[in-house]
């Protein structure tokens, strides 16, 4: 039996999802016989961690503060082993601008994009360049906060006239945004696990089919709003290509332990949209759904991730 902390909640806009994820993980760990403390982020968090002295921390925090390397760096300072990727790979992955530049450097296909900062908009008149960016990418295009997940703040601009509204919508969630070429095609998520002493492997390809056509916040977390095909209903050779690209993205970003890579398959080209270093563990999240389809129970999935963490100890991660 291990003495564990589940870090959940936090202050990002994905707090409610984090609470759901953390609650399910804690329940699984308790059923496995571990002593578990759920810990929300507050001013006394560090003091509590030092007093509790857990054998490991299971990070269930989503968004800024949880997936950007902040809590990972703190846990390394305290010498507490933790689940998932390290500070640098977390920072790379949560920021779509950084992640896409890393993937381009590693020859991982990702849709063309342009980056805008709120500061440049305010101090340099960068809004004048929005039309240039839009025309170079082509319409429709996607406008996204650079840091964050769950589809929050993401919208589609169908024309130059609607671009400014989409940009200001995204700036409501982050001071840095990206404009990205819209890729039509089949939406596929690739949950990846990396058990201790083994290379990373895909649990399977999950084809995402939102019933209203958009995989937004509601479609992600409301049961019945999205259908899933596991495995994805695509040709075998194409599936192998998608899996290879997903693993290439995982390695290029320096991920470890587990992650989820989101891809849109445009005809025969798999475009990596993003990588998530702390994917959800809710009832509608694709990582546990893929595990179940592969014959791995939720408790076994959680136990495998924990065992990898305990066996690795508390070395500094990438």
Foldseek 3Di string as FASTA:
>chain_A
DWEEEEEAQEDAPCRVLRVQQSVVLVVLVVVVPYHYDYDYDDPCRLVVCLVSVTQAYEYSYFWPPRQQQNVQVSCLVSQHFYFKAHNQLSNQFQFLVSLVVLCVVLVQFAFDKDKDFLCCVVPVVCVVCQVVRDVVLDPFKKKAQRGGDQQQLIDTDGDPVCRVVSNVSRVVRHRMMMIGRDADAWKKKWKWFAFAPGQIFTLAIKTKAFPVRDSHNCSQAPPPRIDIDTHDPDDPVLRVVLRVSQSSSCVSSQMHGIKMWIWGCRPSDTHTHGIGRNWGPHPRTVNQVSCVVSVAHPSNSSVRSVVRRSVVRSDHGD
